[in-house]
Every structure is written in structure tokens, then in C-alpha cells.
């Protein structure tokens, strides 16, 4: 998926709200917007929450436990940075995988070392016992 800025996402979401309002003559729900845009509902919800906090849209509880969206002040979109921010979750997942891989490799090495020590101790014990048998 192409990474786009919150500025661009805001324009897309506000446009989707307006188009669906025009088509339905009613406020669209998160589900309708996500289906219209072909986006995951969680992503639409995250963007909507960001825009709500900025005062760009209003979220209203609709029927059947749905949330409907209204455009409050679209001009506030121009105050949003156009920078594409890296998704922190992807970085965190990558770091976690690397850390897990390193921890796994460390455990494997420790297990191999322990196995070598046990094998050497067993070999030494058998050798000692064999020498005692030969002396007897």
C-alpha cells in the first residue's frame, strides 16, 4: 500500500463523506465510507479520529451502534502537514521480529553450549569409569 500523508487522507475522507451524503441524502457511516473507498474500516476509523480531534469532521452515533460522519470545517485541512509520516507500527513490528530472532538465536546457542558441556561431562565420566575397570 502506498503511504500517503494525513493531508491527502483528509481530502479523500472529506470527499467520500460529501459524495455519500449526496448519493444517500443522509450522513454516511464508517462502514459505508470504508466500503466506498475500499479501505479497511480500522484505517478509516483512525483517520476519522485524527480529523475529529483537528475539528475537521464530527462523529455522531447513528442507529444500530454505527458511527456517522459529518464535515465540520473542511478548511482546517490546509493546516495539516503534507509530510508522509512513517507508520510507527511497521517499524515496531520489524524491531520486534529482529529482537525475537536474536533472542531465539541466543537461546539456540546457549542450548548447544549446554549440550556440549553435558556431552563432555558424560564422556569424561565414561572415560574415568573405563580406566577404573581396566585397573581392576
N, C-alpha and C. Protein backbone atom coordinates (compact mmCIF):
# COMPACT_ATOMS: atom_id res chain seq x y z
N UNK A 1 0.83 -1.17 0.00
CA UNK A 1 0.00 0.00 0.00
C UNK A 1 0.88 1.24 0.00
N UNK A 2 0.53 2.17 -0.81
CA UNK A 2 1.28 3.42 -0.92
C UNK A 2 1.03 4.27 0.33
N UNK A 3 2.08 4.83 0.86
CA UNK A 3 1.95 5.68 2.04
C UNK A 3 1.61 7.09 1.59
N UNK A 4 0.54 7.63 2.17
CA UNK A 4 0.16 9.00 1.84
C UNK A 4 0.06 9.79 3.13
N UNK A 5 0.09 11.09 2.99
CA UNK A 5 0.06 11.97 4.16
C UNK A 5 -1.35 12.07 4.73
N UNK A 6 -1.42 12.51 5.98
CA UNK A 6 -2.73 12.75 6.60
C UNK A 6 -3.49 13.82 5.83
N UNK A 7 -2.77 14.76 5.27
CA UNK A 7 -3.39 15.81 4.44
C UNK A 7 -4.18 15.19 3.28
N UNK A 8 -3.54 14.29 2.56
CA UNK A 8 -4.21 13.63 1.42
C UNK A 8 -5.34 12.73 1.90
N UNK A 9 -5.11 12.01 3.00
CA UNK A 9 -6.16 11.14 3.54
C UNK A 9 -7.37 11.98 3.97
N UNK A 10 -7.11 13.15 4.54
CA UNK A 10 -8.20 14.03 4.97
C UNK A 10 -9.04 14.46 3.77
N UNK A 11 -8.39 14.85 2.69
CA UNK A 11 -9.13 15.26 1.49
C UNK A 11 -9.97 14.11 0.94
N UNK A 12 -9.40 12.92 0.91
CA UNK A 12 -10.13 11.75 0.40
C UNK A 12 -11.33 11.45 1.28
N UNK A 13 -11.13 11.47 2.60
CA UNK A 13 -12.22 11.14 3.51
C UNK A 13 -13.34 12.18 3.44
N UNK A 14 -12.98 13.45 3.42
CA UNK A 14 -13.99 14.51 3.33
C UNK A 14 -14.75 14.40 2.00
N UNK A 15 -14.04 14.12 0.93
CA UNK A 15 -14.71 13.96 -0.38
C UNK A 15 -15.67 12.77 -0.34
N UNK A 16 -15.24 11.67 0.28
CA UNK A 16 -16.11 10.49 0.37
C UNK A 16 -17.36 10.81 1.18
N UNK A 17 -17.21 11.54 2.27
CA UNK A 17 -18.36 11.92 3.09
C UNK A 17 -19.34 12.73 2.24
N UNK A 18 -18.81 13.68 1.50
CA UNK A 18 -19.68 14.55 0.69
C UNK A 18 -20.37 13.78 -0.43
N UNK A 19 -19.65 12.92 -1.11
CA UNK A 19 -20.25 12.14 -2.20
C UNK A 19 -21.35 11.22 -1.66
N UNK A 20 -21.06 10.53 -0.55
CA UNK A 20 -22.07 9.64 0.01
C UNK A 20 -23.27 10.40 0.57
N UNK A 21 -23.03 11.59 1.14
CA UNK A 21 -24.16 12.42 1.59
C UNK A 21 -25.03 12.79 0.39
N UNK A 22 -24.40 13.11 -0.72
CA UNK A 22 -25.14 13.49 -1.93
C UNK A 22 -25.93 12.30 -2.47
N UNK A 23 -25.29 11.12 -2.52
CA UNK A 23 -25.95 9.93 -3.07
C UNK A 23 -27.10 9.46 -2.19
N UNK A 24 -26.90 9.47 -0.87
CA UNK A 24 -27.88 8.90 0.04
C UNK A 24 -28.84 9.92 0.64
N UNK A 25 -28.49 11.19 0.57
CA UNK A 25 -29.22 12.26 1.24
C UNK A 25 -29.28 12.00 2.75
N UNK A 26 -28.19 11.41 3.26
CA UNK A 26 -28.06 11.14 4.70
C UNK A 26 -26.58 11.05 5.04
N UNK A 27 -26.29 11.17 6.32
CA UNK A 27 -24.88 11.09 6.72
C UNK A 27 -24.38 9.66 6.61
N UNK A 28 -23.19 9.47 6.03
CA UNK A 28 -22.66 8.12 5.85
C UNK A 28 -22.02 7.58 7.14
N UNK A 29 -22.02 6.27 7.26
CA UNK A 29 -21.38 5.62 8.41
C UNK A 29 -19.94 5.28 8.07
N UNK A 30 -19.18 4.92 9.10
CA UNK A 30 -17.79 4.48 8.88
C UNK A 30 -17.74 3.30 7.91
N UNK A 31 -18.66 2.37 8.10
CA UNK A 31 -18.68 1.18 7.25
C UNK A 31 -18.94 1.55 5.79
N UNK A 32 -19.88 2.43 5.56
CA UNK A 32 -20.20 2.85 4.19
C UNK A 32 -19.01 3.56 3.54
N UNK A 33 -18.34 4.40 4.31
CA UNK A 33 -17.18 5.11 3.78
C UNK A 33 -16.05 4.13 3.47
N UNK A 34 -15.81 3.18 4.37
CA UNK A 34 -14.73 2.22 4.13
C UNK A 34 -15.03 1.36 2.90
N UNK A 35 -16.29 0.98 2.71
CA UNK A 35 -16.66 0.20 1.52
C UNK A 35 -16.53 1.05 0.26
N UNK A 36 -16.95 2.30 0.34
CA UNK A 36 -16.88 3.22 -0.80
C UNK A 36 -15.44 3.44 -1.23
N UNK A 37 -14.55 3.63 -0.24
CA UNK A 37 -13.14 3.90 -0.55
C UNK A 37 -12.32 2.63 -0.75
N UNK A 38 -12.88 1.50 -0.37
CA UNK A 38 -12.13 0.24 -0.49
C UNK A 38 -11.00 0.17 0.53
N UNK A 39 -11.22 0.79 1.69
CA UNK A 39 -10.21 0.81 2.75
C UNK A 39 -10.69 -0.02 3.93
N UNK A 40 -9.76 -0.47 4.72
CA UNK A 40 -10.06 -1.18 5.95
C UNK A 40 -10.81 -0.24 6.89
N UNK A 41 -11.84 -0.74 7.56
CA UNK A 41 -12.63 0.12 8.44
C UNK A 41 -11.80 0.65 9.61
N UNK A 42 -10.80 -0.11 10.05
CA UNK A 42 -9.94 0.36 11.13
C UNK A 42 -9.12 1.58 10.69
N UNK A 43 -8.66 1.54 9.46
CA UNK A 43 -7.89 2.67 8.94
C UNK A 43 -8.77 3.91 8.79
N UNK A 44 -9.99 3.71 8.29
CA UNK A 44 -10.93 4.83 8.16
C UNK A 44 -11.26 5.39 9.54
N UNK A 45 -11.41 4.52 10.52
CA UNK A 45 -11.69 4.95 11.88
C UNK A 45 -10.53 5.75 12.47
N UNK A 46 -9.30 5.29 12.22
CA UNK A 46 -8.12 6.01 12.71
C UNK A 46 -8.03 7.40 12.09
N UNK A 47 -8.21 7.46 10.79
CA UNK A 47 -8.17 8.76 10.10
C UNK A 47 -9.29 9.67 10.61
N UNK A 48 -10.47 9.10 10.78
CA UNK A 48 -11.62 9.87 11.26
C UNK A 48 -11.36 10.44 12.65
N UNK A 49 -10.78 9.63 13.52
CA UNK A 49 -10.47 10.12 14.87
C UNK A 49 -9.46 11.26 14.82
N UNK A 50 -8.45 11.12 13.96
CA UNK A 50 -7.47 12.20 13.81
C UNK A 50 -8.14 13.49 13.33
N UNK A 51 -9.03 13.37 12.35
CA UNK A 51 -9.70 14.54 11.80
C UNK A 51 -10.71 15.12 12.78
N UNK A 52 -11.30 14.27 13.60
CA UNK A 52 -12.23 14.75 14.63
C UNK A 52 -11.48 15.62 15.64
N UNK A 53 -10.29 15.15 16.05
CA UNK A 53 -9.51 15.92 17.02
C UNK A 53 -9.04 17.25 16.44
N UNK A 54 -8.90 17.31 15.13
CA UNK A 54 -8.49 18.56 14.48
C UNK A 54 -9.69 19.48 14.18
N UNK A 55 -10.91 18.98 14.41
CA UNK A 55 -12.11 19.78 14.18
C UNK A 55 -12.58 19.79 12.75
N UNK A 56 -12.07 18.89 11.92
CA UNK A 56 -12.43 18.86 10.50
C UNK A 56 -13.75 18.13 10.29
N UNK A 57 -13.96 17.05 11.03
CA UNK A 57 -15.21 16.31 10.92
C UNK A 57 -15.83 16.14 12.30
N UNK A 58 -17.09 15.75 12.28
CA UNK A 58 -17.81 15.43 13.51
C UNK A 58 -18.28 13.99 13.40
N UNK A 59 -18.15 13.25 14.49
CA UNK A 59 -18.59 11.86 14.52
C UNK A 59 -19.85 11.80 15.39
N UNK A 60 -20.93 11.25 14.82
CA UNK A 60 -22.22 11.18 15.51
C UNK A 60 -22.63 9.71 15.61
N UNK A 61 -23.10 9.32 16.79
CA UNK A 61 -23.58 7.95 16.95
C UNK A 61 -24.86 7.80 16.14
N UNK A 62 -24.86 6.78 15.29
CA UNK A 62 -26.01 6.52 14.45
C UNK A 62 -26.80 5.33 14.97
N UNK A 63 -27.78 4.89 14.20
CA UNK A 63 -28.57 3.75 14.63
C UNK A 63 -27.76 2.45 14.55
N UNK A 64 -28.16 1.48 15.34
CA UNK A 64 -27.55 0.14 15.33
C UNK A 64 -26.05 0.18 15.63
N UNK A 65 -25.69 0.99 16.62
CA UNK A 65 -24.31 1.10 17.08
C UNK A 65 -23.32 1.48 15.98
N UNK A 66 -23.77 2.28 15.03
CA UNK A 66 -22.87 2.76 13.97
C UNK A 66 -22.44 4.19 14.30
N UNK A 67 -21.41 4.63 13.61
CA UNK A 67 -20.92 6.00 13.76
C UNK A 67 -21.01 6.68 12.40
N UNK A 68 -21.71 7.80 12.37
CA UNK A 68 -21.85 8.55 11.13
C UNK A 68 -20.92 9.76 11.15
N UNK A 69 -20.47 10.17 9.98
CA UNK A 69 -19.51 11.26 9.87
C UNK A 69 -20.12 12.46 9.15
N UNK A 70 -19.79 13.64 9.66
CA UNK A 70 -20.22 14.90 9.06
C UNK A 70 -19.01 15.79 8.88
N UNK A 71 -18.98 16.57 7.82
CA UNK A 71 -17.90 17.53 7.62
C UNK A 71 -18.21 18.75 8.48
N UNK A 72 -17.27 19.11 9.36
CA UNK A 72 -17.46 20.27 10.24
C UNK A 72 -16.83 21.51 9.61
N UNK A 73 -15.51 21.46 9.37
CA UNK A 73 -14.82 22.60 8.77
C UNK A 73 -13.68 22.09 7.88
N UNK A 74 -13.98 21.95 6.62
CA UNK A 74 -13.01 21.40 5.67
C UNK A 74 -11.80 22.30 5.46
N UNK A 75 -11.92 23.57 5.76
CA UNK A 75 -10.79 24.49 5.54
C UNK A 75 -9.63 24.21 6.49
N UNK A 76 -9.89 23.51 7.58
CA UNK A 76 -8.82 23.18 8.53
C UNK A 76 -7.84 22.15 7.96
N UNK A 77 -8.22 21.51 6.88
CA UNK A 77 -7.33 20.53 6.25
C UNK A 77 -6.04 21.20 5.80
N UNK A 78 -6.14 22.44 5.39
CA UNK A 78 -4.95 23.14 4.89
C UNK A 78 -3.90 23.35 5.98
N UNK A 79 -4.27 23.21 7.23
CA UNK A 79 -3.32 23.35 8.32
C UNK A 79 -2.56 22.06 8.64
N UNK A 80 -2.91 20.99 7.96
CA UNK A 80 -2.25 19.70 8.19
C UNK A 80 -0.97 19.61 7.37
N UNK A 81 0.04 19.03 7.97
CA UNK A 81 1.33 18.85 7.27
C UNK A 81 1.15 17.89 6.10
N UNK A 82 1.86 18.16 5.03
CA UNK A 82 1.78 17.31 3.84
C UNK A 82 2.87 16.24 3.84
N UNK A 83 3.64 16.17 4.93
CA UNK A 83 4.69 15.16 5.02
C UNK A 83 4.10 13.77 5.17
N UNK A 84 4.73 12.82 4.54
CA UNK A 84 4.33 11.43 4.69
C UNK A 84 5.07 10.89 5.91
N UNK A 85 4.32 10.53 6.92
CA UNK A 85 4.93 10.00 8.14
C UNK A 85 5.04 8.50 8.02
N UNK A 86 6.16 8.00 8.49
CA UNK A 86 6.35 6.55 8.50
C UNK A 86 5.38 5.96 9.52
N UNK A 87 4.86 4.83 9.20
CA UNK A 87 3.95 4.17 10.12
C UNK A 87 4.78 3.51 11.21
N UNK A 88 4.61 3.98 12.43
CA UNK A 88 5.41 3.50 13.54
C UNK A 88 5.17 2.03 13.83
N UNK A 89 3.96 1.57 13.58
CA UNK A 89 3.65 0.18 13.89
C UNK A 89 4.50 -0.76 13.04
N UNK A 90 4.70 -0.43 11.78
CA UNK A 90 5.53 -1.27 10.91
C UNK A 90 6.96 -1.32 11.43
N UNK A 91 7.47 -0.17 11.89
CA UNK A 91 8.82 -0.14 12.46
C UNK A 91 8.89 -0.98 13.73
N UNK A 92 7.87 -0.86 14.57
CA UNK A 92 7.86 -1.62 15.82
C UNK A 92 7.78 -3.12 15.55
N UNK A 93 6.98 -3.51 14.57
CA UNK A 93 6.87 -4.93 14.23
C UNK A 93 8.21 -5.45 13.71
N UNK A 94 8.86 -4.65 12.87
CA UNK A 94 10.17 -5.05 12.35
C UNK A 94 11.18 -5.20 13.48
N UNK A 95 11.20 -4.23 14.40
CA UNK A 95 12.12 -4.30 15.53
C UNK A 95 11.82 -5.51 16.40
N UNK A 96 10.54 -5.78 16.63
CA UNK A 96 10.15 -6.92 17.44
C UNK A 96 10.61 -8.23 16.80
N UNK A 97 10.43 -8.34 15.49
CA UNK A 97 10.86 -9.55 14.78
C UNK A 97 12.37 -9.74 14.88
N UNK A 98 13.11 -8.65 14.71
CA UNK A 98 14.58 -8.73 14.82
C UNK A 98 14.99 -9.14 16.23
N UNK A 99 14.35 -8.53 17.21
CA UNK A 99 14.66 -8.83 18.61
C UNK A 99 14.31 -10.29 18.92
N UNK A 100 13.15 -10.73 18.44
CA UNK A 100 12.73 -12.12 18.66
C UNK A 100 13.70 -13.08 17.99
N UNK A 101 14.12 -12.74 16.78
CA UNK A 101 15.05 -13.60 16.05
C UNK A 101 16.37 -13.68 16.81
N UNK A 102 16.87 -12.54 17.29
CA UNK A 102 18.12 -12.53 18.05
C UNK A 102 17.98 -13.31 19.35
N UNK A 103 16.85 -13.17 20.02
CA UNK A 103 16.63 -13.91 21.27
C UNK A 103 16.58 -15.41 20.98
N UNK A 104 15.93 -15.79 19.90
CA UNK A 104 15.85 -17.19 19.52
C UNK A 104 17.24 -17.75 19.22
N UNK A 105 18.01 -17.00 18.44
CA UNK A 105 19.36 -17.45 18.11
C UNK A 105 20.22 -17.57 19.36
N UNK A 106 20.07 -16.64 20.30
CA UNK A 106 20.81 -16.69 21.56
C UNK A 106 20.43 -17.93 22.36
N UNK A 107 19.15 -18.24 22.41
CA UNK A 107 18.69 -19.43 23.14
C UNK A 107 19.21 -20.70 22.48
N UNK A 108 19.22 -20.75 21.16
CA UNK A 108 19.73 -21.92 20.45
C UNK A 108 21.21 -22.10 20.75
N UNK A 109 21.97 -21.02 20.71
CA UNK A 109 23.40 -21.11 21.01
C UNK A 109 23.63 -21.57 22.45
N UNK A 110 22.87 -21.04 23.39
CA UNK A 110 23.00 -21.43 24.80
C UNK A 110 22.66 -22.92 24.96
N UNK A 111 21.63 -23.37 24.27
CA UNK A 111 21.25 -24.78 24.33
C UNK A 111 22.35 -25.67 23.77
N UNK A 112 22.94 -25.26 22.66
CA UNK A 112 24.03 -26.04 22.06
C UNK A 112 25.24 -26.09 22.99
N UNK A 113 25.58 -24.99 23.62
CA UNK A 113 26.70 -24.95 24.56
C UNK A 113 26.43 -25.89 25.74
N UNK A 114 25.22 -25.84 26.26
CA UNK A 114 24.85 -26.71 27.39
C UNK A 114 24.92 -28.17 26.97
N UNK A 115 24.47 -28.48 25.77
CA UNK A 115 24.51 -29.85 25.28
C UNK A 115 25.96 -30.32 25.14
N UNK A 116 26.84 -29.44 24.66
CA UNK A 116 28.26 -29.80 24.54
C UNK A 116 28.87 -30.07 25.91
N UNK A 117 28.53 -29.23 26.90
CA UNK A 117 29.06 -29.42 28.26
C UNK A 117 28.59 -30.76 28.84
N UNK A 118 27.32 -31.08 28.66
CA UNK A 118 26.78 -32.34 29.17
C UNK A 118 27.44 -33.53 28.48
N UNK A 119 27.62 -33.41 27.17
CA UNK A 119 28.26 -34.49 26.41
C UNK A 119 29.69 -34.69 26.88
N UNK A 120 30.42 -33.61 27.11
CA UNK A 120 31.80 -33.71 27.57
C UNK A 120 31.85 -34.32 28.97
N UNK A 121 30.94 -33.88 29.85
CA UNK A 121 30.90 -34.44 31.21
C UNK A 121 30.60 -35.93 31.17
N UNK A 122 29.68 -36.35 30.33
CA UNK A 122 29.34 -37.76 30.20
C UNK A 122 30.52 -38.55 29.65
N UNK A 123 31.17 -37.99 28.62
CA UNK A 123 32.33 -38.65 28.05
C UNK A 123 33.45 -38.79 29.08
N UNK A 124 33.71 -37.74 29.88
CA UNK A 124 34.73 -37.79 30.93
C UNK A 124 34.38 -38.83 31.98
N UNK A 125 33.11 -38.91 32.36
CA UNK A 125 32.68 -39.89 33.36
C UNK A 125 32.86 -41.30 32.83
N UNK A 126 32.51 -41.53 31.56
CA UNK A 126 32.68 -42.85 30.96
C UNK A 126 34.16 -43.22 30.85
N UNK A 127 34.97 -42.25 30.49
CA UNK A 127 36.41 -42.49 30.37
C UNK A 127 37.01 -42.83 31.73
N UNK A 128 36.61 -42.13 32.75
CA UNK A 128 37.09 -42.38 34.11
C UNK A 128 36.68 -43.78 34.56
N UNK A 129 35.43 -44.14 34.30
CA UNK A 129 34.91 -45.44 34.69
C UNK A 129 35.65 -46.55 33.93
N UNK A 130 35.94 -46.32 32.67
CA UNK A 130 36.66 -47.30 31.86
C UNK A 130 38.07 -47.50 32.39
N UNK A 131 38.74 -46.42 32.80
CA UNK A 131 40.10 -46.52 33.35
C UNK A 131 40.07 -47.31 34.67
N UNK A 132 39.01 -47.08 35.49
CA UNK A 132 38.90 -47.82 36.74
C UNK A 132 38.67 -49.30 36.48
N UNK A 133 37.92 -49.63 35.47
CA UNK A 133 37.65 -51.02 35.08
C UNK A 133 38.93 -51.70 34.61
N UNK A 134 39.73 -50.94 33.87
CA UNK A 134 40.97 -51.51 33.33
C UNK A 134 41.95 -51.77 34.48
N UNK A 135 42.03 -50.91 35.49
CA UNK A 135 42.93 -51.08 36.62
C UNK A 135 42.50 -52.25 37.49
N UNK A 136 41.23 -52.53 37.52
CA UNK A 136 40.75 -53.60 38.39
C UNK A 136 40.99 -54.95 37.85
